[in-house]
N, C-alpha and C. Protein backbone atom coordinates (compact mmCIF):
# COMPACT_ATOMS: atom_id res chain seq x y z
N MET A 1 75.75 96.71 115.41
CA MET A 1 76.78 96.30 114.50
C MET A 1 77.06 94.80 114.69
N ASN A 2 77.13 94.07 113.59
CA ASN A 2 77.41 92.62 113.62
C ASN A 2 78.89 92.45 113.92
N LYS A 3 79.20 91.88 115.09
CA LYS A 3 80.59 91.65 115.49
C LYS A 3 81.23 90.48 114.79
N ASN A 4 80.48 89.71 114.05
CA ASN A 4 81.03 88.55 113.38
C ASN A 4 81.55 88.81 111.97
N ILE A 5 81.49 90.08 111.55
CA ILE A 5 82.00 90.45 110.22
C ILE A 5 83.54 90.45 110.27
N LYS A 6 84.14 89.68 109.34
CA LYS A 6 85.58 89.67 109.30
C LYS A 6 86.08 90.88 108.55
N LYS A 7 87.26 91.33 108.97
CA LYS A 7 87.87 92.49 108.32
C LYS A 7 89.19 92.05 107.66
N ILE A 8 89.24 92.31 106.35
CA ILE A 8 90.48 92.00 105.60
C ILE A 8 91.07 93.33 105.14
N ALA A 9 92.31 93.59 105.58
CA ALA A 9 92.97 94.89 105.29
C ALA A 9 94.01 94.69 104.19
N ILE A 10 94.03 95.65 103.30
CA ILE A 10 95.01 95.72 102.21
C ILE A 10 95.98 96.83 102.62
N VAL A 11 97.20 96.46 102.96
CA VAL A 11 98.16 97.43 103.52
C VAL A 11 99.50 97.35 102.82
N GLY A 12 100.35 98.33 103.08
CA GLY A 12 101.73 98.27 102.54
C GLY A 12 102.26 99.65 102.25
N PRO A 13 103.49 99.68 101.80
CA PRO A 13 104.13 100.95 101.45
C PRO A 13 103.38 101.66 100.31
N GLU A 14 103.80 102.86 100.04
CA GLU A 14 103.21 103.67 98.97
C GLU A 14 103.39 103.01 97.65
N SER A 15 102.41 103.26 96.78
CA SER A 15 102.45 102.84 95.37
C SER A 15 102.62 101.31 95.19
N THR A 16 101.83 100.56 95.95
CA THR A 16 101.86 99.12 95.82
C THR A 16 100.53 98.56 95.38
N GLY A 17 99.62 99.43 94.92
CA GLY A 17 98.36 98.96 94.37
C GLY A 17 97.26 98.69 95.36
N LYS A 18 97.35 99.23 96.54
CA LYS A 18 96.37 98.93 97.64
C LYS A 18 94.93 99.34 97.23
N SER A 19 94.79 100.56 96.79
CA SER A 19 93.44 101.08 96.46
C SER A 19 92.83 100.33 95.29
N THR A 20 93.61 100.15 94.25
CA THR A 20 93.12 99.43 93.08
C THR A 20 92.73 97.99 93.46
N LEU A 21 93.62 97.31 94.14
CA LEU A 21 93.32 95.91 94.51
C LEU A 21 92.18 95.80 95.47
N SER A 22 92.07 96.69 96.46
CA SER A 22 90.99 96.58 97.42
C SER A 22 89.61 96.77 96.71
N GLN A 23 89.53 97.65 95.79
CA GLN A 23 88.28 97.85 95.06
C GLN A 23 87.97 96.63 94.15
N LEU A 24 88.98 96.11 93.52
CA LEU A 24 88.77 94.90 92.66
C LEU A 24 88.31 93.73 93.52
N LEU A 25 88.90 93.55 94.66
CA LEU A 25 88.52 92.42 95.54
C LEU A 25 87.09 92.58 96.09
N ALA A 26 86.76 93.80 96.50
CA ALA A 26 85.41 94.06 96.97
C ALA A 26 84.41 93.72 95.88
N LYS A 27 84.69 94.15 94.66
CA LYS A 27 83.78 93.89 93.58
C LYS A 27 83.70 92.39 93.28
N HIS A 28 84.84 91.72 93.24
CA HIS A 28 84.87 90.28 93.00
C HIS A 28 84.05 89.51 94.01
N TYR A 29 84.23 89.81 95.26
CA TYR A 29 83.53 89.06 96.36
C TYR A 29 82.15 89.63 96.67
N LYS A 30 81.82 90.75 96.00
CA LYS A 30 80.53 91.45 96.27
C LYS A 30 80.36 91.73 97.77
N VAL A 31 81.40 92.37 98.30
CA VAL A 31 81.37 92.78 99.70
C VAL A 31 81.64 94.29 99.85
N SER A 32 81.38 94.80 100.98
CA SER A 32 81.63 96.24 101.21
C SER A 32 83.11 96.57 101.24
N TRP A 33 83.38 97.80 100.83
CA TRP A 33 84.78 98.27 100.74
C TRP A 33 84.89 99.53 101.59
N VAL A 34 85.97 99.64 102.39
CA VAL A 34 86.27 100.85 103.15
C VAL A 34 87.42 101.56 102.47
N PRO A 35 87.17 102.75 101.92
CA PRO A 35 88.30 103.47 101.26
C PRO A 35 89.25 104.06 102.30
N GLU A 36 90.39 104.56 101.80
CA GLU A 36 91.40 105.16 102.67
C GLU A 36 91.01 106.59 102.95
N TYR A 37 90.63 106.84 104.21
CA TYR A 37 90.20 108.20 104.62
C TYR A 37 91.32 109.24 104.43
N ALA A 38 92.53 108.84 104.74
CA ALA A 38 93.65 109.81 104.70
C ALA A 38 93.83 110.41 103.32
N ARG A 39 93.58 109.67 102.27
CA ARG A 39 93.71 110.22 100.93
C ARG A 39 92.78 111.41 100.75
N TYR A 40 91.54 111.28 101.15
CA TYR A 40 90.59 112.38 101.05
C TYR A 40 91.00 113.58 101.92
N TYR A 41 91.43 113.21 103.10
CA TYR A 41 91.86 114.25 104.06
C TYR A 41 93.02 115.04 103.51
N CYS A 42 94.06 114.35 103.09
CA CYS A 42 95.26 115.02 102.60
C CYS A 42 95.09 115.79 101.34
N GLU A 43 94.12 115.39 100.50
CA GLU A 43 93.85 116.14 99.28
C GLU A 43 93.43 117.59 99.58
N ASN A 44 92.93 117.81 100.78
CA ASN A 44 92.41 119.13 101.14
C ASN A 44 93.34 119.92 102.04
N LEU A 45 94.50 119.35 102.40
CA LEU A 45 95.44 120.08 103.24
C LEU A 45 96.16 121.13 102.41
N VAL A 46 96.36 122.28 103.03
CA VAL A 46 97.09 123.37 102.32
C VAL A 46 98.42 123.64 103.01
N THR A 47 98.70 122.96 104.11
CA THR A 47 99.97 123.09 104.81
C THR A 47 100.50 121.70 105.11
N ASP A 48 101.71 121.60 105.61
CA ASP A 48 102.25 120.27 106.02
C ASP A 48 101.35 119.73 107.13
N TYR A 49 101.19 118.42 107.14
CA TYR A 49 100.33 117.88 108.17
C TYR A 49 101.01 117.80 109.52
N THR A 50 100.19 117.79 110.55
CA THR A 50 100.64 117.89 111.91
C THR A 50 100.19 116.59 112.65
N LEU A 51 100.61 116.49 113.92
CA LEU A 51 100.16 115.38 114.74
C LEU A 51 98.66 115.42 114.91
N GLN A 52 98.08 116.57 114.94
CA GLN A 52 96.59 116.69 115.03
C GLN A 52 95.96 116.20 113.74
N ASP A 53 96.58 116.48 112.62
CA ASP A 53 96.05 115.92 111.32
C ASP A 53 96.06 114.40 111.36
N GLU A 54 97.18 113.83 111.88
CA GLU A 54 97.27 112.37 111.97
C GLU A 54 96.17 111.82 112.89
N ALA A 55 95.90 112.52 113.98
CA ALA A 55 94.80 112.07 114.87
C ALA A 55 93.47 112.16 114.14
N ASN A 56 93.29 113.24 113.37
CA ASN A 56 92.05 113.39 112.61
C ASN A 56 91.91 112.28 111.62
N MET A 57 93.00 111.90 110.94
CA MET A 57 92.94 110.81 109.94
C MET A 57 92.63 109.50 110.64
N PHE A 58 93.17 109.26 111.86
CA PHE A 58 92.82 108.08 112.60
C PHE A 58 91.37 108.03 112.88
N TYR A 59 90.80 109.11 113.45
CA TYR A 59 89.35 109.13 113.79
C TYR A 59 88.51 108.99 112.55
N GLY A 60 88.92 109.62 111.40
CA GLY A 60 88.17 109.49 110.20
C GLY A 60 88.16 108.09 109.68
N GLN A 61 89.33 107.39 109.72
CA GLN A 61 89.38 106.01 109.22
C GLN A 61 88.52 105.09 110.09
N VAL A 62 88.57 105.23 111.38
CA VAL A 62 87.78 104.44 112.30
C VAL A 62 86.31 104.69 112.07
N ALA A 63 85.93 105.92 111.94
CA ALA A 63 84.53 106.25 111.74
C ALA A 63 84.01 105.71 110.41
N LEU A 64 84.79 105.83 109.39
CA LEU A 64 84.42 105.32 108.09
C LEU A 64 84.21 103.82 108.12
N GLU A 65 85.18 103.10 108.74
CA GLU A 65 85.09 101.71 108.88
C GLU A 65 83.86 101.26 109.68
N ASP A 66 83.65 101.95 110.79
CA ASP A 66 82.47 101.66 111.67
C ASP A 66 81.16 101.91 110.90
N ALA A 67 81.11 102.93 110.10
CA ALA A 67 79.89 103.22 109.34
C ALA A 67 79.64 102.08 108.32
N ILE A 68 80.67 101.61 107.65
CA ILE A 68 80.51 100.51 106.68
C ILE A 68 80.10 99.24 107.41
N LEU A 69 80.74 98.97 108.54
CA LEU A 69 80.40 97.78 109.34
C LEU A 69 78.94 97.80 109.80
N SER A 70 78.43 98.97 110.10
CA SER A 70 77.09 99.08 110.64
C SER A 70 76.01 98.82 109.60
N VAL A 71 76.35 98.94 108.31
CA VAL A 71 75.32 98.77 107.28
C VAL A 71 75.54 97.57 106.33
N THR A 72 76.72 97.01 106.42
CA THR A 72 77.01 95.91 105.49
C THR A 72 76.25 94.66 105.83
N GLU A 73 75.91 93.93 104.81
CA GLU A 73 75.29 92.64 104.96
C GLU A 73 76.27 91.50 104.58
N SER A 74 77.50 91.89 104.36
CA SER A 74 78.54 90.94 103.96
C SER A 74 79.08 90.20 105.17
N ASP A 75 79.66 89.05 104.90
CA ASP A 75 80.32 88.27 105.97
C ASP A 75 81.68 88.83 106.31
N PHE A 76 82.25 89.60 105.35
CA PHE A 76 83.50 90.28 105.55
C PHE A 76 83.56 91.57 104.74
N ILE A 77 84.48 92.42 105.10
CA ILE A 77 84.68 93.68 104.37
C ILE A 77 86.14 93.74 103.94
N ILE A 78 86.40 94.53 102.95
CA ILE A 78 87.75 94.84 102.46
C ILE A 78 88.07 96.25 102.85
N CYS A 79 89.19 96.44 103.55
CA CYS A 79 89.62 97.79 103.98
C CYS A 79 90.85 98.23 103.23
N ASP A 80 90.75 99.32 102.49
CA ASP A 80 91.90 99.91 101.84
C ASP A 80 92.75 100.65 102.88
N THR A 81 93.65 99.90 103.43
CA THR A 81 94.58 100.29 104.49
C THR A 81 93.85 100.32 105.85
N THR A 82 94.60 100.63 106.87
CA THR A 82 94.08 100.72 108.26
C THR A 82 94.79 101.89 108.90
N PHE A 83 94.46 102.13 110.14
CA PHE A 83 95.09 103.27 110.79
C PHE A 83 96.48 102.89 111.31
N VAL A 84 96.97 101.69 111.04
CA VAL A 84 98.38 101.40 111.29
C VAL A 84 99.21 102.33 110.46
N THR A 85 98.68 102.72 109.32
CA THR A 85 99.37 103.68 108.45
C THR A 85 99.60 105.00 109.19
N VAL A 86 98.63 105.46 109.99
CA VAL A 86 98.80 106.66 110.80
C VAL A 86 99.96 106.49 111.73
N LYS A 87 100.10 105.33 112.37
CA LYS A 87 101.24 105.13 113.28
C LYS A 87 102.58 105.19 112.50
N ILE A 88 102.64 104.53 111.37
CA ILE A 88 103.86 104.50 110.59
C ILE A 88 104.26 105.90 110.15
N TRP A 89 103.30 106.65 109.59
CA TRP A 89 103.64 108.01 109.11
C TRP A 89 103.94 108.95 110.27
N SER A 90 103.16 108.85 111.37
CA SER A 90 103.40 109.71 112.50
C SER A 90 104.81 109.47 113.05
N ASP A 91 105.18 108.22 113.27
CA ASP A 91 106.51 107.91 113.80
C ASP A 91 107.62 108.39 112.85
N GLU A 92 107.41 108.17 111.57
CA GLU A 92 108.47 108.47 110.60
C GLU A 92 108.60 110.00 110.33
N VAL A 93 107.49 110.68 110.13
CA VAL A 93 107.55 112.08 109.72
C VAL A 93 107.51 113.03 110.90
N LEU A 94 106.78 112.67 111.91
CA LEU A 94 106.60 113.60 113.05
C LEU A 94 107.32 113.17 114.31
N GLY A 95 107.89 111.96 114.30
CA GLY A 95 108.67 111.52 115.44
C GLY A 95 107.88 110.90 116.56
N LYS A 96 106.59 110.88 116.51
CA LYS A 96 105.73 110.21 117.53
C LYS A 96 104.34 110.02 116.97
N THR A 97 103.57 109.18 117.68
CA THR A 97 102.23 108.81 117.24
C THR A 97 101.24 109.33 118.28
N PRO A 98 100.06 109.82 117.85
CA PRO A 98 99.05 110.24 118.82
C PRO A 98 98.67 109.08 119.79
N GLN A 99 98.55 109.37 121.00
CA GLN A 99 98.32 108.32 122.04
C GLN A 99 97.06 107.52 121.74
N GLU A 100 96.02 108.16 121.23
CA GLU A 100 94.79 107.42 120.96
C GLU A 100 94.99 106.33 119.91
N VAL A 101 95.92 106.56 119.00
CA VAL A 101 96.23 105.54 118.00
C VAL A 101 96.91 104.37 118.68
N LEU A 102 97.92 104.66 119.54
CA LEU A 102 98.63 103.56 120.20
C LEU A 102 97.70 102.81 121.13
N ASP A 103 96.75 103.47 121.78
CA ASP A 103 95.80 102.82 122.71
C ASP A 103 94.83 101.94 121.92
N THR A 104 94.44 102.36 120.72
CA THR A 104 93.45 101.64 119.96
C THR A 104 93.95 100.48 119.13
N LEU A 105 95.27 100.54 118.74
CA LEU A 105 95.81 99.53 117.85
C LEU A 105 95.52 98.08 118.34
N PRO A 106 95.81 97.73 119.55
CA PRO A 106 95.55 96.34 120.02
C PRO A 106 94.09 96.01 120.18
N LYS A 107 93.23 97.00 120.20
CA LYS A 107 91.82 96.79 120.46
C LYS A 107 91.00 96.64 119.20
N ARG A 108 91.59 96.91 118.04
CA ARG A 108 90.86 96.86 116.76
C ARG A 108 91.62 96.01 115.76
N PRO A 109 91.70 94.71 116.04
CA PRO A 109 92.47 93.82 115.10
C PRO A 109 91.70 93.59 113.83
N TYR A 110 92.47 93.21 112.80
CA TYR A 110 91.87 92.77 111.55
C TYR A 110 92.12 91.27 111.44
N ASP A 111 91.21 90.62 110.79
CA ASP A 111 91.29 89.16 110.73
C ASP A 111 92.41 88.68 109.79
N LEU A 112 92.65 89.43 108.73
CA LEU A 112 93.69 89.14 107.75
C LEU A 112 94.20 90.42 107.16
N TYR A 113 95.54 90.52 107.08
CA TYR A 113 96.18 91.60 106.38
C TYR A 113 96.84 91.05 105.13
N LEU A 114 96.61 91.69 104.01
CA LEU A 114 97.37 91.38 102.81
C LEU A 114 98.37 92.53 102.63
N LEU A 115 99.63 92.22 102.87
CA LEU A 115 100.72 93.20 102.77
C LEU A 115 101.26 93.21 101.37
N MET A 116 100.97 94.34 100.69
CA MET A 116 101.39 94.43 99.27
C MET A 116 102.89 94.59 99.13
N ASP A 117 103.46 93.76 98.31
CA ASP A 117 104.89 93.75 98.04
C ASP A 117 105.28 95.01 97.22
N ILE A 118 106.54 95.34 97.26
CA ILE A 118 107.01 96.53 96.55
C ILE A 118 107.54 96.20 95.13
N ASP A 119 106.98 95.13 94.54
CA ASP A 119 107.42 94.72 93.24
C ASP A 119 106.70 95.37 92.08
N LEU A 120 105.84 96.35 92.38
CA LEU A 120 105.21 97.14 91.29
C LEU A 120 106.05 98.39 91.09
N PRO A 121 106.02 98.88 89.85
CA PRO A 121 106.78 100.14 89.56
C PRO A 121 106.14 101.34 90.34
N TRP A 122 106.97 102.24 90.73
CA TRP A 122 106.49 103.47 91.43
C TRP A 122 105.61 104.28 90.46
N GLN A 123 104.47 104.73 90.97
CA GLN A 123 103.61 105.64 90.28
C GLN A 123 103.58 106.99 90.99
N ASP A 124 104.02 108.05 90.30
CA ASP A 124 104.00 109.35 90.91
C ASP A 124 102.55 109.79 91.29
N ASP A 125 102.46 110.46 92.40
CA ASP A 125 101.16 110.92 92.94
C ASP A 125 101.52 112.06 93.89
N PRO A 126 100.80 113.19 93.83
CA PRO A 126 101.17 114.28 94.74
C PRO A 126 101.08 113.95 96.20
N LEU A 127 100.36 112.87 96.56
CA LEU A 127 100.24 112.49 97.94
C LEU A 127 101.27 111.43 98.38
N ARG A 128 102.18 111.11 97.52
CA ARG A 128 103.22 110.10 97.86
C ARG A 128 104.53 110.84 98.08
N ASP A 129 105.28 110.35 99.08
CA ASP A 129 106.43 111.08 99.52
C ASP A 129 107.79 110.40 99.41
N PHE A 130 107.84 109.07 99.44
CA PHE A 130 109.12 108.37 99.57
C PHE A 130 109.44 107.33 98.52
N PRO A 131 109.62 107.76 97.29
CA PRO A 131 109.85 106.77 96.17
C PRO A 131 111.14 105.97 96.38
N ASN A 132 112.09 106.51 97.11
CA ASN A 132 113.36 105.77 97.27
C ASN A 132 113.51 105.05 98.61
N GLN A 133 112.41 104.95 99.33
CA GLN A 133 112.47 104.29 100.64
C GLN A 133 111.48 103.13 100.76
N ARG A 134 111.16 102.53 99.65
CA ARG A 134 110.14 101.47 99.64
C ARG A 134 110.59 100.24 100.47
N GLU A 135 111.84 99.85 100.32
CA GLU A 135 112.36 98.69 101.10
C GLU A 135 112.26 98.99 102.59
N TYR A 136 112.69 100.18 102.94
CA TYR A 136 112.62 100.61 104.34
C TYR A 136 111.22 100.53 104.92
N PHE A 137 110.24 101.06 104.16
CA PHE A 137 108.85 101.01 104.64
C PHE A 137 108.29 99.62 104.61
N MET A 138 108.74 98.79 103.74
CA MET A 138 108.29 97.38 103.71
C MET A 138 108.71 96.69 105.00
N GLU A 139 109.95 96.97 105.42
CA GLU A 139 110.43 96.41 106.70
C GLU A 139 109.64 96.92 107.88
N ILE A 140 109.30 98.20 107.85
CA ILE A 140 108.47 98.76 108.92
C ILE A 140 107.13 98.07 108.94
N TRP A 141 106.53 97.85 107.80
CA TRP A 141 105.20 97.17 107.80
C TRP A 141 105.35 95.77 108.39
N HIS A 142 106.38 95.02 108.04
CA HIS A 142 106.58 93.72 108.65
C HIS A 142 106.67 93.81 110.18
N LYS A 143 107.45 94.77 110.66
CA LYS A 143 107.67 94.93 112.09
C LYS A 143 106.37 95.32 112.80
N GLU A 144 105.60 96.25 112.21
CA GLU A 144 104.34 96.68 112.82
C GLU A 144 103.32 95.53 112.90
N LEU A 145 103.22 94.75 111.79
CA LEU A 145 102.24 93.64 111.78
C LEU A 145 102.73 92.55 112.75
N GLN A 146 104.00 92.30 112.82
CA GLN A 146 104.50 91.32 113.76
C GLN A 146 104.30 91.75 115.20
N ALA A 147 104.46 93.04 115.48
CA ALA A 147 104.19 93.59 116.82
C ALA A 147 102.75 93.40 117.23
N LEU A 148 101.84 93.42 116.27
CA LEU A 148 100.39 93.21 116.54
C LEU A 148 100.04 91.72 116.56
N ASP A 149 101.00 90.86 116.28
CA ASP A 149 100.79 89.41 116.15
C ASP A 149 99.67 89.18 115.10
N ALA A 150 99.78 89.94 114.02
CA ALA A 150 98.77 89.96 113.01
C ALA A 150 98.90 88.72 112.07
N ASN A 151 97.75 88.25 111.59
CA ASN A 151 97.68 87.25 110.56
C ASN A 151 97.85 88.00 109.21
N TYR A 152 99.04 87.77 108.61
CA TYR A 152 99.25 88.51 107.33
C TYR A 152 100.03 87.66 106.32
N ILE A 153 99.82 87.99 105.08
CA ILE A 153 100.58 87.35 104.01
C ILE A 153 100.99 88.43 102.98
N VAL A 154 102.21 88.27 102.46
CA VAL A 154 102.68 89.22 101.47
C VAL A 154 102.14 88.82 100.10
N ILE A 155 101.60 89.79 99.41
CA ILE A 155 101.03 89.59 98.04
C ILE A 155 101.97 90.25 97.05
N SER A 156 102.49 89.37 96.16
CA SER A 156 103.41 89.83 95.11
C SER A 156 102.76 89.57 93.72
N GLY A 157 103.46 90.00 92.70
CA GLY A 157 103.01 89.76 91.35
C GLY A 157 102.54 91.00 90.63
N GLN A 158 102.53 90.92 89.33
CA GLN A 158 102.14 92.04 88.50
C GLN A 158 100.71 91.75 87.94
N GLY A 159 99.93 92.79 87.82
CA GLY A 159 98.61 92.70 87.18
C GLY A 159 97.71 91.60 87.68
N ASP A 160 97.26 90.77 86.75
CA ASP A 160 96.34 89.63 87.08
C ASP A 160 96.93 88.68 88.06
N GLU A 161 98.24 88.52 88.01
CA GLU A 161 98.88 87.58 88.92
C GLU A 161 98.76 88.06 90.41
N ARG A 162 98.89 89.37 90.56
CA ARG A 162 98.77 89.96 91.94
C ARG A 162 97.34 89.77 92.43
N VAL A 163 96.39 90.06 91.54
CA VAL A 163 94.97 89.87 91.89
C VAL A 163 94.69 88.42 92.24
N ALA A 164 95.19 87.49 91.45
CA ALA A 164 94.97 86.05 91.71
C ALA A 164 95.61 85.63 93.00
N ASN A 165 96.80 86.15 93.33
CA ASN A 165 97.45 85.85 94.61
C ASN A 165 96.66 86.34 95.75
N ALA A 166 96.08 87.52 95.66
CA ALA A 166 95.26 88.09 96.74
C ALA A 166 93.98 87.27 96.88
N LYS A 167 93.37 86.92 95.81
CA LYS A 167 92.12 86.07 95.89
C LYS A 167 92.41 84.74 96.50
N LYS A 168 93.57 84.14 96.18
CA LYS A 168 93.93 82.84 96.75
C LYS A 168 94.11 82.99 98.29
N ALA A 169 94.79 84.04 98.68
CA ALA A 169 95.01 84.28 100.14
C ALA A 169 93.66 84.44 100.84
N ILE A 170 92.75 85.15 100.25
CA ILE A 170 91.43 85.35 100.87
C ILE A 170 90.68 84.05 100.90
N ASP A 171 90.64 83.36 99.77
CA ASP A 171 89.92 82.07 99.71
C ASP A 171 90.50 81.09 100.71
N ASP A 172 91.80 81.04 100.84
CA ASP A 172 92.42 80.14 101.87
C ASP A 172 92.00 80.53 103.24
N PHE A 173 92.02 81.85 103.50
CA PHE A 173 91.60 82.34 104.82
C PHE A 173 90.12 82.02 105.12
N LEU A 174 89.27 82.15 104.12
CA LEU A 174 87.85 81.85 104.32
C LEU A 174 87.50 80.39 104.19
N GLY A 175 88.51 79.57 103.85
CA GLY A 175 88.27 78.16 103.72
C GLY A 175 87.53 77.76 102.49
N LYS A 176 87.75 78.54 101.42
CA LYS A 176 87.04 78.33 100.15
C LYS A 176 87.84 77.57 99.10
N SER A 177 89.11 77.25 99.42
CA SER A 177 89.88 76.58 98.40
C SER A 177 89.93 75.10 98.57
């Protein structure tokens, strides 16, 4: 695996356009894209998720990312979320985070995080849980990224403006502007 591949993560609260934007950015830059493993995992759950499910989602996200990293020929990849989401959901919904997640967080940094602002309208989705707590989760994302001493920028705007703001952030990061 090429260790020089930069990782750009698209993160944030629910219904902020992460999946759509990450796919658009990967297509625009012609780079590999890592989808959100938890979405696929949760679509198949028939009961409330448990701490073991959160651990499974962590391992699935890491494995998916590693698989993409092992085959990509890109200088960087776009990740639709990261397993920081596992920590946030585990803490919030289950009261604690699997130890393997806590142990791995500082060992798997991302080069740039684009934190999606909550300025988009809420879109209902059966896998979304907290339409009235977006501000709360935005604050949690800030705290988690700051705790990791992460390089991050908040991306705001509607439609094309949001995409342009994300492209500018990536171009600035890559030294292309």
